[in-house]
């Protein structure tokens, strides 16, 4: 009878042990997602992750982990191990979760050289802080439960990054608009200064810009203290022309000169900002013989420039 009692007792003890082991395994594998002030929390036996939406942070608490941060300006390299509590900025955070495998020492024919180990590797990478928190290997069942929560974090982080980029783009656009407005204001101010110049000062400025002073020139005033038209011709064929509100510093190469009852119309090429020939009307109200002399002089210079162009075949 004793052996029967011993057998029953052994079976009872083994049953209790199996039950306790199963309960312990269930405890180790148990996970939960709960609401916390300002966000959500994923809880497991070995770690917890808080998604703090209001603060824009991610907080990770782990019983066993390794934290490493690269050296940064004014801050030395840092490394910690053991039980850790680390808070990251959500912006730039990436989560790496991968299944770990073990290598078989003697795989059978046609069998893979590796097989799942039953564990996962989990790391939090703060790309903008050059930091990494890597947890101790997690049971695959716990890791599988964490996948959905990790995806929620990454979607939230991507939305924050998109919002930040949109804000930066808007700030850049506003900055460009401010710079353009300032440039336009400066241009108006400069134009005002130009309009305030005397004719002699204006001609001197045009000559500085052109880089030459013509050997022959004429100017026509508009009766309001300004210049209506101006022509400044150098013996090499370089010319400065102004009429209306337009000014050009170019040459007579390819130009045409036409008499128009009381003035000359000069069409020139190579006017900055204008790919096509540009027209200027000058010498208004000057004597006919003066206009005729200008026309002949410009045509001679133009033709001499044309002869200087090498022939092509």
C-alpha atoms as a PDB file:
ATOM      1  CA  UNK A   1       0.000   0.000   0.000  1.00  0.00           C
ATOM      2  CA  UNK A   2       2.893   2.308   0.734  1.00  0.00           C
ATOM      3  CA  UNK A   3       3.973   2.432  -2.901  1.00  0.00           C
ATOM      4  CA  UNK A   4       0.463   3.450  -3.916  1.00  0.00           C
ATOM      5  CA  UNK A   5       0.498   6.330  -1.433  1.00  0.00           C
ATOM      6  CA  UNK A   6       3.952   7.359  -2.602  1.00  0.00           C
ATOM      7  CA  UNK A   7       2.813   7.257  -6.231  1.00  0.00           C
ATOM      8  CA  UNK A   8      -0.295   9.336  -5.526  1.00  0.00           C
ATOM      9  CA  UNK A   9       1.773  11.833  -3.562  1.00  0.00           C
ATOM     10  CA  UNK A  10       4.346  12.087  -6.344  1.00  0.00           C
ATOM     11  CA  UNK A  11       1.636  12.627  -8.926  1.00  0.00           C
ATOM     12  CA  UNK A  12       0.072  15.335  -6.756  1.00  0.00           C
ATOM     13  CA  UNK A  13       3.377  17.096  -6.262  1.00  0.00           C
ATOM     14  CA  UNK A  14       4.168  16.919  -9.988  1.00  0.00           C
ATOM     15  CA  UNK A  15       0.718  18.282 -10.822  1.00  0.00           C
ATOM     16  CA  UNK A  16       1.176  21.182  -8.435  1.00  0.00           C
ATOM     17  CA  UNK A  17       4.639  21.868  -9.871  1.00  0.00           C
ATOM     18  CA  UNK A  18       3.308  21.756 -13.442  1.00  0.00           C
ATOM     19  CA  UNK A  19       0.482  24.126 -12.514  1.00  0.00           C
ATOM     20  CA  UNK A  20       2.830  26.555 -10.818  1.00  0.00           C
ATOM     21  CA  UNK A  21       5.222  26.418 -13.793  1.00  0.00           C
ATOM     22  CA  UNK A  22       2.365  27.097 -16.205  1.00  0.00           C
ATOM     23  CA  UNK A  23       1.185  30.014 -14.063  1.00  0.00           C
ATOM     24  CA  UNK A  24       4.715  31.384 -13.885  1.00  0.00           C
ATOM     25  CA  UNK A  25       5.104  31.119 -17.661  1.00  0.00           C
ATOM     26  CA  UNK A  26       1.773  32.866 -18.119  1.00  0.00           C
ATOM     27  CA  UNK A  27       2.930  35.609 -15.745  1.00  0.00           C
ATOM     28  CA  UNK A  28       6.154  36.072 -17.664  1.00  0.00           C
ATOM     29  CA  UNK A  29       4.289  36.201 -20.997  1.00  0.00           C
ATOM     30  CA  UNK A  30       1.451  38.425 -19.837  1.00  0.00           C
ATOM     31  CA  UNK A  31       1.185  41.808 -21.609  1.00  0.00           C
ATOM     32  CA  UNK A  32      -1.276  44.687 -21.484  1.00  0.00           C
ATOM     33  CA  UNK A  33      -1.925  48.046 -23.115  1.00  0.00           C
ATOM     34  CA  UNK A  34      -3.355  50.650 -20.743  1.00  0.00           C
ATOM     35  CA  UNK A  35      -4.186  54.339 -20.820  1.00  0.00           C
ATOM     36  CA  UNK A  36      -1.995  56.723 -18.844  1.00  0.00           C
ATOM     37  CA  UNK A  37      -2.176  60.518 -18.431  1.00  0.00           C
ATOM     38  CA  UNK A  38      -1.231  61.986 -21.797  1.00  0.00           C
ATOM     39  CA  UNK A  39      -0.797  58.691 -23.644  1.00  0.00           C
ATOM     40  CA  UNK A  40      -0.669  54.883 -23.613  1.00  0.00           C
ATOM     41  CA  UNK A  41       1.517  52.224 -22.011  1.00  0.00           C
ATOM     42  CA  UNK A  42       2.556  48.738 -23.119  1.00  0.00           C
ATOM     43  CA  UNK A  43       3.399  46.580 -20.118  1.00  0.00           C
ATOM     44  CA  UNK A  44       5.210  43.268 -19.971  1.00  0.00           C
ATOM     45  CA  UNK A  45       7.071  41.437 -17.191  1.00  0.00           C
ATOM     46  CA  UNK A  46      10.534  42.665 -18.248  1.00  0.00           C
ATOM     47  CA  UNK A  47       9.783  46.098 -19.655  1.00  0.00           C
ATOM     48  CA  UNK A  48       7.226  48.845 -20.309  1.00  0.00           C
ATOM     49  CA  UNK A  49       6.950  51.486 -23.047  1.00  0.00           C
ATOM     50  CA  UNK A  50       5.041  54.744 -22.592  1.00  0.00           C
ATOM     51  CA  UNK A  51       3.839  56.663 -25.647  1.00  0.00           C
ATOM     52  CA  UNK A  52       3.496  60.186 -24.220  1.00  0.00           C
ATOM     53  CA  UNK A  53       1.550  61.973 -26.946  1.00  0.00           C
ATOM     54  CA  UNK A  54       1.163  65.295 -25.132  1.00  0.00           C
ATOM     55  CA  UNK A  55       4.856  65.575 -24.343  1.00  0.00           C
ATOM     56  CA  UNK A  56       6.073  64.136 -27.656  1.00  0.00           C
ATOM     57  CA  UNK A  57       8.214  61.597 -25.792  1.00  0.00           C
ATOM     58  CA  UNK A  58       8.768  57.840 -25.557  1.00  0.00           C
ATOM     59  CA  UNK A  59       9.704  56.410 -22.142  1.00  0.00           C
ATOM     60  CA  UNK A  60      11.172  52.913 -21.836  1.00  0.00           C
ATOM     61  CA  UNK A  61      11.705  51.104 -18.528  1.00  0.00           C
ATOM     62  CA  UNK A  62      13.495  47.751 -18.626  1.00  0.00           C
ATOM     63  CA  UNK A  63      14.766  45.337 -15.980  1.00  0.00           C
ATOM     64  CA  UNK A  64      17.771  44.521 -18.114  1.00  0.00           C
ATOM     65  CA  UNK A  65      19.030  46.635 -21.030  1.00  0.00           C
ATOM     66  CA  UNK A  66      22.027  48.425 -22.518  1.00  0.00           C
ATOM     67  CA  UNK A  67      22.041  52.135 -23.348  1.00  0.00           C
ATOM     68  CA  UNK A  68      24.679  53.723 -25.577  1.00  0.00           C
ATOM     69  CA  UNK A  69      24.973  57.308 -26.744  1.00  0.00           C
ATOM     70  CA  UNK A  70      27.718  58.504 -29.073  1.00  0.00           C
ATOM     71  CA  UNK A  71      29.875  61.460 -28.160  1.00  0.00           C
ATOM     72  CA  UNK A  72      28.285  64.754 -29.134  1.00  0.00           C
ATOM     73  CA  UNK A  73      29.375  68.377 -29.044  1.00  0.00           C
ATOM     74  CA  UNK A  74      30.019  69.206 -25.396  1.00  0.00           C
ATOM     75  CA  UNK A  75      29.006  65.720 -24.225  1.00  0.00           C
ATOM     76  CA  UNK A  76      31.142  62.596 -23.770  1.00  0.00           C
ATOM     77  CA  UNK A  77      30.172  59.135 -24.982  1.00  0.00           C
ATOM     78  CA  UNK A  78      27.837  57.375 -22.550  1.00  0.00           C
ATOM     79  CA  UNK A  79      27.049  53.714 -21.862  1.00  0.00           C
ATOM     80  CA  UNK A  80      24.845  52.147 -19.164  1.00  0.00           C
ATOM     81  CA  UNK A  81      23.704  48.608 -18.386  1.00  0.00           C
ATOM     82  CA  UNK A  82      21.218  46.978 -16.067  1.00  0.00           C
ATOM     83  CA  UNK A  83      17.814  48.246 -14.984  1.00  0.00           C
ATOM     84  CA  UNK A  84      17.224  51.429 -16.992  1.00  0.00           C
ATOM     85  CA  UNK A  85      14.622  54.145 -17.339  1.00  0.00           C
ATOM     86  CA  UNK A  86      15.196  56.195 -20.524  1.00  0.00           C
ATOM     87  CA  UNK A  87      13.059  58.905 -22.141  1.00  0.00           C
ATOM     88  CA  UNK A  88      13.514  59.756 -25.832  1.00  0.00           C
ATOM     89  CA  UNK A  89      12.157  62.518 -28.052  1.00  0.00           C
ATOM     90  CA  UNK A  90       9.604  60.943 -30.362  1.00  0.00           C
ATOM     91  CA  UNK A  91      11.026  62.809 -33.376  1.00  0.00           C
ATOM     92  CA  UNK A  92      13.625  60.636 -35.066  1.00  0.00           C
ATOM     93  CA  UNK A  93      12.829  57.515 -33.016  1.00  0.00           C
ATOM     94  CA  UNK A  94      12.992  54.146 -34.775  1.00  0.00           C
ATOM     95  CA  UNK A  95      12.112  50.735 -33.333  1.00  0.00           C
ATOM     96  CA  UNK A  96      13.979  47.615 -34.472  1.00  0.00           C
ATOM     97  CA  UNK A  97      12.299  44.309 -33.631  1.00  0.00           C
ATOM     98  CA  UNK A  98      13.765  41.155 -35.164  1.00  0.00           C
ATOM     99  CA  UNK A  99      13.454  37.416 -34.619  1.00  0.00           C
ATOM    100  CA  UNK A 100      16.579  35.726 -33.298  1.00  0.00           C
ATOM    101  CA  UNK A 101      17.703  32.368 -34.723  1.00  0.00           C
ATOM    102  CA  UNK A 102      20.149  29.705 -33.683  1.00  0.00           C
ATOM    103  CA  UNK A 103      22.524  27.843 -35.963  1.00  0.00           C
ATOM    104  CA  UNK A 104      22.184  24.081 -36.125  1.00  0.00           C
ATOM    105  CA  UNK A 105      25.425  22.217 -35.583  1.00  0.00           C
ATOM    106  CA  UNK A 106      24.527  19.265 -37.807  1.00  0.00           C
ATOM    107  CA  UNK A 107      21.567  20.101 -40.033  1.00  0.00           C
ATOM    108  CA  UNK A 108      20.016  17.189 -41.902  1.00  0.00           C
ATOM    109  CA  UNK A 109      19.994  17.028 -45.670  1.00  0.00           C
ATOM    110  CA  UNK A 110      17.585  19.657 -47.045  1.00  0.00           C
ATOM    111  CA  UNK A 111      17.173  21.232 -43.612  1.00  0.00           C
ATOM    112  CA  UNK A 112      17.781  24.944 -43.007  1.00  0.00           C
ATOM    113  CA  UNK A 113      21.026  25.756 -41.213  1.00  0.00           C
ATOM    114  CA  UNK A 114      19.141  27.969 -38.754  1.00  0.00           C
ATOM    115  CA  UNK A 115      15.879  27.793 -36.849  1.00  0.00           C
ATOM    116  CA  UNK A 116      13.876  30.220 -34.677  1.00  0.00           C
ATOM    117  CA  UNK A 117      15.279  30.467 -31.193  1.00  0.00           C
ATOM    118  CA  UNK A 118      12.027  31.545 -29.537  1.00  0.00           C
ATOM    119  CA  UNK A 119      13.483  34.981 -28.735  1.00  0.00           C
ATOM    120  CA  UNK A 120      13.392  38.443 -30.276  1.00  0.00           C
ATOM    121  CA  UNK A 121      15.811  41.377 -30.285  1.00  0.00           C
ATOM    122  CA  UNK A 122      14.280  44.775 -29.470  1.00  0.00           C
ATOM    123  CA  UNK A 123      16.078  48.122 -29.784  1.00  0.00           C
ATOM    124  CA  UNK A 124      15.013  51.770 -29.666  1.00  0.00           C
ATOM    125  CA  UNK A 125      17.139  54.020 -31.905  1.00  0.00           C
ATOM    126  CA  UNK A 126      17.086  57.782 -31.323  1.00  0.00           C
ATOM    127  CA  UNK A 127      18.553  58.924 -34.648  1.00  0.00           C
ATOM    128  CA  UNK A 128      18.622  62.625 -33.736  1.00  0.00           C
ATOM    129  CA  UNK A 129      20.319  61.950 -30.399  1.00  0.00           C
ATOM    130  CA  UNK A 130      22.746  59.260 -31.695  1.00  0.00           C
ATOM    131  CA  UNK A 131      21.528  56.969 -28.930  1.00  0.00           C
ATOM    132  CA  UNK A 132      20.393  53.348 -28.689  1.00  0.00           C
ATOM    133  CA  UNK A 133      18.584  51.355 -26.008  1.00  0.00           C
ATOM    134  CA  UNK A 134      18.728  47.599 -26.559  1.00  0.00           C
ATOM    135  CA  UNK A 135      16.711  45.317 -24.314  1.00  0.00           C
ATOM    136  CA  UNK A 136      17.681  41.832 -23.230  1.00  0.00           C
ATOM    137  CA  UNK A 137      16.274  39.159 -25.581  1.00  0.00           C
ATOM    138  CA  UNK A 138      12.481  38.920 -25.245  1.00  0.00           C
ATOM    139  CA  UNK A 139      10.318  35.807 -25.583  1.00  0.00           C
ATOM    140  CA  UNK A 140       8.855  35.761 -29.078  1.00  0.00           C
ATOM    141  CA  UNK A 141       5.309  35.630 -27.702  1.00  0.00           C
ATOM    142  CA  UNK A 142       5.866  38.912 -25.833  1.00  0.00           C
ATOM    143  CA  UNK A 143       7.532  40.475 -28.882  1.00  0.00           C
ATOM    144  CA  UNK A 144       4.625  39.429 -31.108  1.00  0.00           C
ATOM    145  CA  UNK A 145       2.230  41.171 -28.722  1.00  0.00           C
ATOM    146  CA  UNK A 146       4.387  44.313 -28.842  1.00  0.00           C
ATOM    147  CA  UNK A 147       4.339  44.539 -32.660  1.00  0.00           C
ATOM    148  CA  UNK A 148       0.962  46.310 -32.884  1.00  0.00           C
ATOM    149  CA  UNK A 149       1.941  48.871 -30.246  1.00  0.00           C
ATOM    150  CA  UNK A 150       5.277  49.467 -31.995  1.00  0.00           C
ATOM    151  CA  UNK A 151       3.459  50.162 -35.271  1.00  0.00           C
ATOM    152  CA  UNK A 152       1.255  52.725 -33.490  1.00  0.00           C
ATOM    153  CA  UNK A 153       4.379  54.461 -32.188  1.00  0.00           C
ATOM    154  CA  UNK A 154       6.018  54.573 -35.624  1.00  0.00           C
ATOM    155  CA  UNK A 155       2.863  55.966 -37.275  1.00  0.00           C
ATOM    156  CA  UNK A 156       2.647  58.650 -34.593  1.00  0.00           C
ATOM    157  CA  UNK A 157       6.348  59.501 -34.975  1.00  0.00           C
ATOM    158  CA  UNK A 158       6.014  59.724 -38.765  1.00  0.00           C
ATOM    159  CA  UNK A 159       3.054  62.097 -38.349  1.00  0.00           C
ATOM    160  CA  UNK A 160       5.074  64.286 -35.968  1.00  0.00           C
ATOM    161  CA  UNK A 161       8.002  64.344 -38.407  1.00  0.00           C
ATOM    162  CA  UNK A 162       5.668  65.254 -41.276  1.00  0.00           C
ATOM    163  CA  UNK A 163       4.209  68.101 -39.212  1.00  0.00           C
ATOM    164  CA  UNK A 164       7.681  69.327 -38.321  1.00  0.00           C
ATOM    165  CA  UNK A 165       8.763  69.253 -41.974  1.00  0.00           C
ATOM    166  CA  UNK A 166       5.625  71.139 -42.994  1.00  0.00           C
ATOM    167  CA  UNK A 167       6.369  73.731 -40.307  1.00  0.00           C
ATOM    168  CA  UNK A 168      10.004  74.054 -41.441  1.00  0.00           C
ATOM    169  CA  UNK A 169       8.888  74.406 -45.071  1.00  0.00           C
ATOM    170  CA  UNK A 170       6.414  77.117 -44.056  1.00  0.00           C
ATOM    171  CA  UNK A 171       9.116  78.941 -42.078  1.00  0.00           C
ATOM    172  CA  UNK A 172      11.515  78.695 -45.020  1.00  0.00           C
ATOM    173  CA  UNK A 173       8.849  80.021 -47.389  1.00  0.00           C
ATOM    174  CA  UNK A 174       8.119  82.885 -44.990  1.00  0.00           C
ATOM    175  CA  UNK A 175      11.835  83.630 -44.771  1.00  0.00           C
ATOM    176  CA  UNK A 176      12.155  83.690 -48.565  1.00  0.00           C
ATOM    177  CA  UNK A 177       9.130  85.974 -48.830  1.00  0.00           C
ATOM    178  CA  UNK A 178      10.632  88.305 -46.230  1.00  0.00           C
ATOM    179  CA  UNK A 179      13.962  88.345 -48.085  1.00  0.00           C
ATOM    180  CA  UNK A 180      12.210  89.001 -51.404  1.00  0.00           C
ATOM    181  CA  UNK A 181      10.155  91.781 -49.813  1.00  0.00           C
ATOM    182  CA  UNK A 182      13.317  93.296 -48.341  1.00  0.00           C
ATOM    183  CA  UNK A 183      15.047  93.048 -51.718  1.00  0.00           C
ATOM    184  CA  UNK A 184      12.082  94.675 -53.438  1.00  0.00           C
ATOM    185  CA  UNK A 185      12.059  97.427 -50.833  1.00  0.00           C
ATOM    186  CA  UNK A 186      15.796  97.947 -51.316  1.00  0.00           C
ATOM    187  CA  UNK A 187      15.300  98.050 -55.080  1.00  0.00           C
ATOM    188  CA  UNK A 188      12.585 100.684 -54.723  1.00  0.00           C
ATOM    189  CA  UNK A 189      14.847 102.635 -52.411  1.00  0.00           C
ATOM    190  CA  UNK A 190      17.711 102.356 -54.881  1.00  0.00           C
ATOM    191  CA  UNK A 191      15.386 103.384 -57.707  1.00  0.00           C
ATOM    192  CA  UNK A 192      14.352 106.378 -55.680  1.00  0.00           C
ATOM    193  CA  UNK A 193      18.004 107.300 -55.268  1.00  0.00           C
ATOM    194  CA  UNK A 194      18.544 106.907 -59.004  1.00  0.00           C
ATOM    195  CA  UNK A 195      15.588 109.146 -59.719  1.00  0.00           C
ATOM    196  CA  UNK A 196      17.000 111.696 -57.297  1.00  0.00           C
ATOM    197  CA  UNK A 197      20.326 111.847 -59.154  1.00  0.00           C
ATOM    198  CA  UNK A 198      21.229 114.745 -61.347  1.00  0.00           C
ATOM    199  CA  UNK A 199      21.709 113.919 -65.051  1.00  0.00           C
ATOM    200  CA  UNK A 200      25.492 114.166 -64.651  1.00  0.00           C
ATOM    201  CA  UNK A 201      25.454 111.793 -61.682  1.00  0.00           C
ATOM    202  CA  UNK A 202      23.235 109.344 -63.548  1.00  0.00           C
ATOM    203  CA  UNK A 203      25.504 109.371 -66.606  1.00  0.00           C
ATOM    204  CA  UNK A 204      28.553 108.851 -64.391  1.00  0.00           C
ATOM    205  CA  UNK A 205      26.881 105.828 -62.786  1.00  0.00           C
ATOM    206  CA  UNK A 206      25.948 104.322 -66.166  1.00  0.00           C
ATOM    207  CA  UNK A 207      29.548 104.717 -67.294  1.00  0.00           C
ATOM    208  CA  UNK A 208      30.822 102.992 -64.157  1.00  0.00           C
ATOM    209  CA  UNK A 209      28.474 100.073 -64.787  1.00  0.00           C
ATOM    210  CA  UNK A 210      29.367  99.905 -68.493  1.00  0.00           C
ATOM    211  CA  UNK A 211      33.081 100.006 -67.776  1.00  0.00           C
ATOM    212  CA  UNK A 212      33.855 102.623 -70.387  1.00  0.00           C
ATOM    213  CA  UNK A 213      33.313 106.294 -71.211  1.00  0.00           C
ATOM    214  CA  UNK A 214      32.171 107.008 -74.739  1.00  0.00           C
ATOM    215  CA  UNK A 215      34.173 109.234 -77.047  1.00  0.00           C
ATOM    216  CA  UNK A 216      30.903 110.651 -78.429  1.00  0.00           C
ATOM    217  CA  UNK A 217      27.700 111.128 -76.495  1.00  0.00           C
ATOM    218  CA  UNK A 218      24.410 112.995 -76.498  1.00  0.00           C
ATOM    219  CA  UNK A 219      21.723 113.389 -73.846  1.00  0.00           C
ATOM    220  CA  UNK A 220      18.106 114.556 -73.960  1.00  0.00           C
ATOM    221  CA  UNK A 221      16.368 115.846 -70.831  1.00  0.00           C
ATOM    222  CA  UNK A 222      12.681 115.361 -70.068  1.00  0.00           C
ATOM    223  CA  UNK A 223      12.080 118.835 -68.653  1.00  0.00           C
ATOM    224  CA  UNK A 224      11.591 117.464 -65.120  1.00  0.00           C
ATOM    225  CA  UNK A 225      15.241 117.186 -64.186  1.00  0.00           C
ATOM    226  CA  UNK A 226      15.524 113.644 -65.558  1.00  0.00           C
ATOM    227  CA  UNK A 227      17.011 112.026 -68.662  1.00  0.00           C
ATOM    228  CA  UNK A 228      14.644 111.132 -71.493  1.00  0.00           C
ATOM    229  CA  UNK A 229      17.298 109.520 -73.687  1.00  0.00           C
ATOM    230  CA  UNK A 230      21.060 109.024 -73.672  1.00  0.00           C
ATOM    231  CA  UNK A 231      23.619 107.599 -76.088  1.00  0.00           C
ATOM    232  CA  UNK A 232      27.302 107.035 -75.278  1.00  0.00           C
ATOM    233  CA  UNK A 233      29.447 105.535 -78.066  1.00  0.00           C
ATOM    234  CA  UNK A 234      33.017 104.301 -77.820  1.00  0.00           C
ATOM    235  CA  UNK A 235      35.351 104.125 -80.835  1.00  0.00           C
ATOM    236  CA  UNK A 236      35.541 100.330 -80.404  1.00  0.00           C
ATOM    237  CA  UNK A 237      31.799  99.926 -81.009  1.00  0.00           C
ATOM    238  CA  UNK A 238      30.719  99.663 -77.399  1.00  0.00           C
ATOM    239  CA  UNK A 239      27.598 101.639 -76.649  1.00  0.00           C
ATOM    240  CA  UNK A 240      25.346 102.657 -73.757  1.00  0.00           C
ATOM    241  CA  UNK A 241      21.745 103.450 -74.643  1.00  0.00           C
ATOM    242  CA  UNK A 242      18.855 104.752 -72.551  1.00  0.00           C
ATOM    243  CA  UNK A 243      15.331 105.692 -73.500  1.00  0.00           C
ATOM    244  CA  UNK A 244      12.108 105.646 -71.551  1.00  0.00           C
ATOM    245  CA  UNK A 245      12.837 103.484 -68.496  1.00  0.00           C
ATOM    246  CA  UNK A 246      15.332 101.105 -70.112  1.00  0.00           C
ATOM    247  CA  UNK A 247      19.132 101.129 -70.206  1.00  0.00           C
ATOM    248  CA  UNK A 248      21.552  98.821 -72.020  1.00  0.00           C
ATOM    249  CA  UNK A 249      25.333  98.443 -72.094  1.00  0.00           C
ATOM    250  CA  UNK A 250      26.258  96.453 -75.207  1.00  0.00           C
ATOM    251  CA  UNK A 251      27.947  96.783 -78.627  1.00  0.00           C
ATOM    252  CA  UNK A 252      26.848  97.669 -82.158  1.00  0.00           C
ATOM    253  CA  UNK A 253      27.542  94.136 -83.421  1.00  0.00           C
ATOM    254  CA  UNK A 254      24.411  93.120 -85.379  1.00  0.00           C
ATOM    255  CA  UNK A 255      22.647  96.429 -84.654  1.00  0.00           C
ATOM    256  CA  UNK A 256      20.273  98.264 -86.980  1.00  0.00           C
ATOM    257  CA  UNK A 257      19.930 102.056 -87.124  1.00  0.00           C
ATOM    258  CA  UNK A 258      16.752 103.603 -88.557  1.00  0.00           C
ATOM    259  CA  UNK A 259      15.731 107.261 -89.027  1.00  0.00           C
ATOM    260  CA  UNK A 260      12.241 107.959 -87.683  1.00  0.00           C
ATOM    261  CA  UNK A 261      11.198 111.559 -88.305  1.00  0.00           C
ATOM    262  CA  UNK A 262      13.035 113.528 -85.656  1.00  0.00           C
ATOM    263  CA  UNK A 263      14.879 110.674 -83.885  1.00  0.00           C
ATOM    264  CA  UNK A 264      16.864 107.484 -84.463  1.00  0.00           C
ATOM    265  CA  UNK A 265      15.698 103.972 -83.561  1.00  0.00           C
ATOM    266  CA  UNK A 266      18.575 101.668 -82.651  1.00  0.00           C
ATOM    267  CA  UNK A 267      17.990  97.915 -82.314  1.00  0.00           C
ATOM    268  CA  UNK A 268      20.833  96.183 -80.487  1.00  0.00           C
ATOM    269  CA  UNK A 269      21.626  92.606 -79.463  1.00  0.00           C
ATOM    270  CA  UNK A 270      23.102  91.121 -76.280  1.00  0.00           C
ATOM    271  CA  UNK A 271      20.993  93.218 -73.928  1.00  0.00           C
ATOM    272  CA  UNK A 272      21.121  91.568 -70.523  1.00  0.00           C
ATOM    273  CA  UNK A 273      17.829  89.853 -69.715  1.00  0.00           C
ATOM    274  CA  UNK A 274      16.562  90.121 -73.330  1.00  0.00           C
ATOM    275  CA  UNK A 275      17.376  87.285 -75.777  1.00  0.00           C
ATOM    276  CA  UNK A 276      15.804  89.210 -78.686  1.00  0.00           C
ATOM    277  CA  UNK A 277      16.910  92.505 -80.248  1.00  0.00           C
ATOM    278  CA  UNK A 278      16.012  95.473 -78.072  1.00  0.00           C
ATOM    279  CA  UNK A 279      14.947  98.884 -79.337  1.00  0.00           C
ATOM    280  CA  UNK A 280      15.959 102.344 -78.139  1.00  0.00           C
ATOM    281  CA  UNK A 281      14.889 105.730 -79.521  1.00  0.00           C
ATOM    282  CA  UNK A 282      17.414 108.523 -79.110  1.00  0.00           C
ATOM    283  CA  UNK A 283      18.505 111.914 -80.481  1.00  0.00           C
ATOM    284  CA  UNK A 284      14.995 113.338 -80.352  1.00  0.00           C
ATOM    285  CA  UNK A 285      14.827 117.110 -81.108  1.00  0.00           C
ATOM    286  CA  UNK A 286      18.412 117.204 -82.425  1.00  0.00           C
ATOM    287  CA  UNK A 287      19.276 118.818 -85.798  1.00  0.00           C
ATOM    288  CA  UNK A 288      18.978 116.526 -88.853  1.00  0.00           C
ATOM    289  CA  UNK A 289      22.664 116.812 -89.657  1.00  0.00           C
ATOM    290  CA  UNK A 290      23.547 115.651 -86.128  1.00  0.00           C
ATOM    291  CA  UNK A 291      21.281 112.618 -86.465  1.00  0.00           C
ATOM    292  CA  UNK A 292      22.691 111.876 -89.914  1.00  0.00           C
ATOM    293  CA  UNK A 293      26.261 112.038 -88.603  1.00  0.00           C
ATOM    294  CA  UNK A 294      25.378 109.675 -85.720  1.00  0.00           C
ATOM    295  CA  UNK A 295      23.707 107.221 -88.076  1.00  0.00           C
ATOM    296  CA  UNK A 296      26.689 107.113 -90.433  1.00  0.00           C
ATOM    297  CA  UNK A 297      29.171 106.777 -87.556  1.00  0.00           C
ATOM    298  CA  UNK A 298      27.245 103.871 -85.978  1.00  0.00           C
ATOM    299  CA  UNK A 299      26.805 102.026 -89.271  1.00  0.00           C
ATOM    300  CA  UNK A 300      30.542 102.287 -90.022  1.00  0.00           C
ATOM    301  CA  UNK A 301      31.404 100.912 -86.563  1.00  0.00           C
ATOM    302  CA  UNK A 302      28.788  98.164 -86.882  1.00  0.00           C
ATOM    303  CA  UNK A 303      30.137  97.088 -90.270  1.00  0.00           C
ATOM    304  CA  UNK A 304      33.714  97.080 -88.976  1.00  0.00           C
ATOM    305  CA  UNK A 305      32.635  94.778 -86.122  1.00  0.00           C
ATOM    306  CA  UNK A 306      30.967  92.472 -88.625  1.00  0.00           C
ATOM    307  CA  UNK A 307      34.188  92.220 -90.669  1.00  0.00           C
ATOM    308  CA  UNK A 308      36.060  91.221 -87.539  1.00  0.00           C
ATOM    309  CA  UNK A 309      33.955  88.032 -87.140  1.00  0.00           C
ATOM    310  CA  UNK A 310      35.909  84.981 -88.497  1.00  0.00           C
ATOM    311  CA  UNK A 311      34.333  83.370 -91.538  1.00  0.00           C
ATOM    312  CA  UNK A 312      32.727  79.952 -90.975  1.00  0.00           C
ATOM    313  CA  UNK A 313      32.224  77.097 -93.406  1.00  0.00           C
END
